[in-house]
C-alpha cells in the first residue's frame, strides 16, 4: 500500500503518516518509484538550453 501511495504521487511525509511512522526515515524503504513516473518527472525538468532561452 505504501509503495502504491508513493507511485500515485504521495510524498514521504504522507506515506509515513499513512503507516503511522514517527520518523520519516522509517517509511523510506517503501518508496520504489514507478519507472514511468520517474521518466515523466525527468521530462518536466527544463534543459539548460530552455533555461537560457534557446531551442530544445
N, C-alpha and C. Protein backbone atom coordinates (compact mmCIF):
# COMPACT_ATOMS: atom_id res chain seq x y z
N UNK A 1 0.82 -1.18 0.00
CA UNK A 1 0.00 0.00 0.00
C UNK A 1 0.87 1.25 0.00
N UNK A 2 1.94 1.24 0.77
CA UNK A 2 2.80 2.42 0.85
C UNK A 2 3.49 2.69 -0.49
N UNK A 3 3.98 1.66 -1.15
CA UNK A 3 4.60 1.84 -2.47
C UNK A 3 3.58 2.35 -3.48
N UNK A 4 2.36 1.84 -3.42
CA UNK A 4 1.31 2.30 -4.33
C UNK A 4 0.99 3.77 -4.07
N UNK A 5 0.97 4.17 -2.81
CA UNK A 5 0.70 5.57 -2.47
C UNK A 5 1.81 6.46 -3.02
N UNK A 6 3.06 6.02 -2.91
CA UNK A 6 4.18 6.79 -3.45
C UNK A 6 4.10 6.87 -4.96
N UNK A 7 3.76 5.77 -5.63
CA UNK A 7 3.63 5.77 -7.09
C UNK A 7 2.50 6.68 -7.55
N UNK A 8 1.51 6.88 -6.69
CA UNK A 8 0.39 7.76 -7.04
C UNK A 8 0.73 9.22 -6.77
N UNK A 9 1.96 9.49 -6.33
CA UNK A 9 2.38 10.86 -6.10
C UNK A 9 2.47 11.26 -4.64
N UNK A 10 2.24 10.30 -3.74
CA UNK A 10 2.34 10.60 -2.32
C UNK A 10 3.75 10.96 -1.92
N UNK A 11 3.87 11.92 -1.02
CA UNK A 11 5.18 12.36 -0.55
C UNK A 11 5.64 11.48 0.61
N UNK A 12 6.91 11.60 0.96
CA UNK A 12 7.46 10.80 2.05
C UNK A 12 6.70 11.03 3.34
N UNK A 13 6.38 12.28 3.66
CA UNK A 13 5.66 12.54 4.90
C UNK A 13 4.24 11.98 4.86
N UNK A 14 3.61 11.96 3.70
CA UNK A 14 2.27 11.37 3.58
C UNK A 14 2.32 9.86 3.78
N UNK A 15 3.33 9.22 3.16
CA UNK A 15 3.47 7.77 3.30
C UNK A 15 3.76 7.42 4.76
N UNK A 16 4.64 8.18 5.40
CA UNK A 16 4.96 7.93 6.80
C UNK A 16 3.72 8.07 7.68
N UNK A 17 2.89 9.07 7.39
CA UNK A 17 1.67 9.26 8.17
C UNK A 17 0.69 8.10 7.96
N UNK A 18 0.57 7.64 6.71
CA UNK A 18 -0.31 6.50 6.44
C UNK A 18 0.13 5.25 7.19
N UNK A 19 1.44 5.09 7.32
CA UNK A 19 1.99 3.92 8.02
C UNK A 19 2.09 4.14 9.52
N UNK A 20 1.76 5.34 9.98
CA UNK A 20 1.84 5.72 11.39
C UNK A 20 3.27 5.61 11.92
N UNK A 21 4.24 6.03 11.08
CA UNK A 21 5.64 6.03 11.48
C UNK A 21 5.99 7.37 12.11
N UNK A 22 6.70 7.32 13.21
CA UNK A 22 7.09 8.55 13.90
C UNK A 22 8.20 9.28 13.15
N UNK A 23 9.07 8.53 12.49
CA UNK A 23 10.18 9.15 11.75
C UNK A 23 10.01 8.91 10.26
N UNK A 24 10.29 9.94 9.48
CA UNK A 24 10.18 9.83 8.02
C UNK A 24 11.08 8.73 7.47
N UNK A 25 12.25 8.59 8.03
CA UNK A 25 13.20 7.60 7.52
C UNK A 25 12.65 6.18 7.60
N UNK A 26 11.72 5.94 8.49
CA UNK A 26 11.13 4.60 8.61
C UNK A 26 10.29 4.23 7.40
N UNK A 27 9.81 5.22 6.68
CA UNK A 27 8.96 4.97 5.51
C UNK A 27 9.77 4.87 4.22
N UNK A 28 11.04 5.25 4.24
CA UNK A 28 11.84 5.27 3.02
C UNK A 28 11.93 3.92 2.30
N UNK A 29 12.02 2.79 2.99
CA UNK A 29 12.11 1.52 2.27
C UNK A 29 10.90 1.21 1.38
N UNK A 30 9.79 1.87 1.62
CA UNK A 30 8.59 1.61 0.84
C UNK A 30 8.53 2.44 -0.44
N UNK A 31 9.47 3.35 -0.61
CA UNK A 31 9.43 4.24 -1.76
C UNK A 31 10.24 3.66 -2.91
N UNK A 32 9.54 3.03 -3.82
CA UNK A 32 10.13 2.46 -5.02
C UNK A 32 9.36 3.05 -6.20
N UNK A 33 9.78 4.23 -6.69
CA UNK A 33 9.00 4.91 -7.71
C UNK A 33 8.86 4.10 -9.00
N UNK A 34 7.71 4.20 -9.57
CA UNK A 34 7.41 3.59 -10.86
C UNK A 34 8.32 4.22 -11.92
N UNK A 35 8.99 3.41 -12.76
CA UNK A 35 9.87 3.97 -13.79
C UNK A 35 9.17 4.96 -14.73
N UNK A 36 7.91 4.73 -15.05
CA UNK A 36 7.18 5.65 -15.91
C UNK A 36 7.00 7.01 -15.23
N UNK A 37 6.74 6.99 -13.93
CA UNK A 37 6.58 8.24 -13.18
C UNK A 37 7.91 8.99 -13.13
N UNK A 38 9.01 8.26 -12.98
CA UNK A 38 10.33 8.89 -12.98
C UNK A 38 10.62 9.52 -14.34
N UNK A 39 10.28 8.82 -15.43
CA UNK A 39 10.51 9.36 -16.77
C UNK A 39 9.70 10.64 -16.97
N UNK A 40 8.45 10.65 -16.51
CA UNK A 40 7.62 11.85 -16.62
C UNK A 40 8.24 13.01 -15.86
N UNK A 41 8.81 12.72 -14.68
CA UNK A 41 9.44 13.77 -13.88
C UNK A 41 10.66 14.33 -14.62
N UNK A 42 11.48 13.45 -15.18
CA UNK A 42 12.67 13.89 -15.91
C UNK A 42 12.26 14.74 -17.11
N UNK A 43 11.21 14.35 -17.78
CA UNK A 43 10.75 15.11 -18.95
C UNK A 43 10.25 16.51 -18.57
N UNK A 44 9.82 16.70 -17.34
CA UNK A 44 9.33 18.01 -16.90
C UNK A 44 10.47 18.97 -16.54
N UNK A 45 11.66 18.46 -16.34
CA UNK A 45 12.80 19.31 -15.98
C UNK A 45 13.31 20.00 -17.24
N UNK A 46 13.36 21.33 -17.22
CA UNK A 46 13.81 22.04 -18.42
C UNK A 46 15.29 21.80 -18.69
N UNK A 47 15.63 21.80 -19.96
CA UNK A 47 17.03 21.64 -20.34
C UNK A 47 17.76 22.95 -20.10
N UNK A 48 19.09 22.91 -19.99
CA UNK A 48 19.85 24.16 -19.85
C UNK A 48 19.59 25.13 -20.99
N UNK A 49 19.39 24.61 -22.19
CA UNK A 49 19.09 25.49 -23.34
C UNK A 49 17.77 26.21 -23.15
N UNK A 50 16.75 25.46 -22.65
CA UNK A 50 15.45 26.10 -22.41
C UNK A 50 15.58 27.19 -21.34
N UNK A 51 16.35 26.91 -20.32
CA UNK A 51 16.54 27.90 -19.25
C UNK A 51 17.26 29.14 -19.76
N UNK A 52 18.14 28.95 -20.73
CA UNK A 52 18.90 30.07 -21.30
C UNK A 52 18.11 30.79 -22.40
N UNK A 53 16.94 30.28 -22.72
CA UNK A 53 16.12 30.92 -23.74
C UNK A 53 16.36 30.41 -25.13
N UNK A 54 17.15 29.35 -25.28
CA UNK A 54 17.42 28.78 -26.59
C UNK A 54 16.40 27.73 -26.97
N UNK A 55 16.66 27.04 -28.04
CA UNK A 55 15.77 26.00 -28.51
C UNK A 55 16.19 24.66 -27.94
N UNK A 56 15.26 23.75 -27.88
CA UNK A 56 15.49 22.40 -27.34
C UNK A 56 16.13 21.50 -28.33
